[in-house]
Amino acid sequence: MFRILIIAVLAFGAWKGFEKYQARSAATAVHERSSGISIPNRTAKTERPSAVVPKFQCDGRTYCSQMTSCEEATFFLKNCPGVKMDGNNDGVPCEQQWCR
């Protein structure tokens, strides 16, 4: 009976640790996407750039409060589905926060 209790406690601890790991990994990925930071892959072979890499990419953000500039909000409005940044449908996003 004592062994089962120990195994249960260890399993619970491992589960909670894994949850923290996933949350930290997700937060790091979101931060990298929003700040434009990329961590180089040291094991990858050096390749020539094939095309211009866009400054922004659709990543699920939909609101002005999630943007950091007018340029970013404009990119999201023009290129990403389901954004909610142009309340009066005039083609200018985030008029109260970024694009005045």
Foldseek 3Di string as FASTA:
>chain_A
DVVVVVVVVVVVVVVVVVVVVVVVVVVVVVVCQQVVNDDDDPPDDDDDDPDDDDSHDDDPDAEPVSHDAQVRQLCCVVPPPPHDFCPPPPSRGPVPHHND
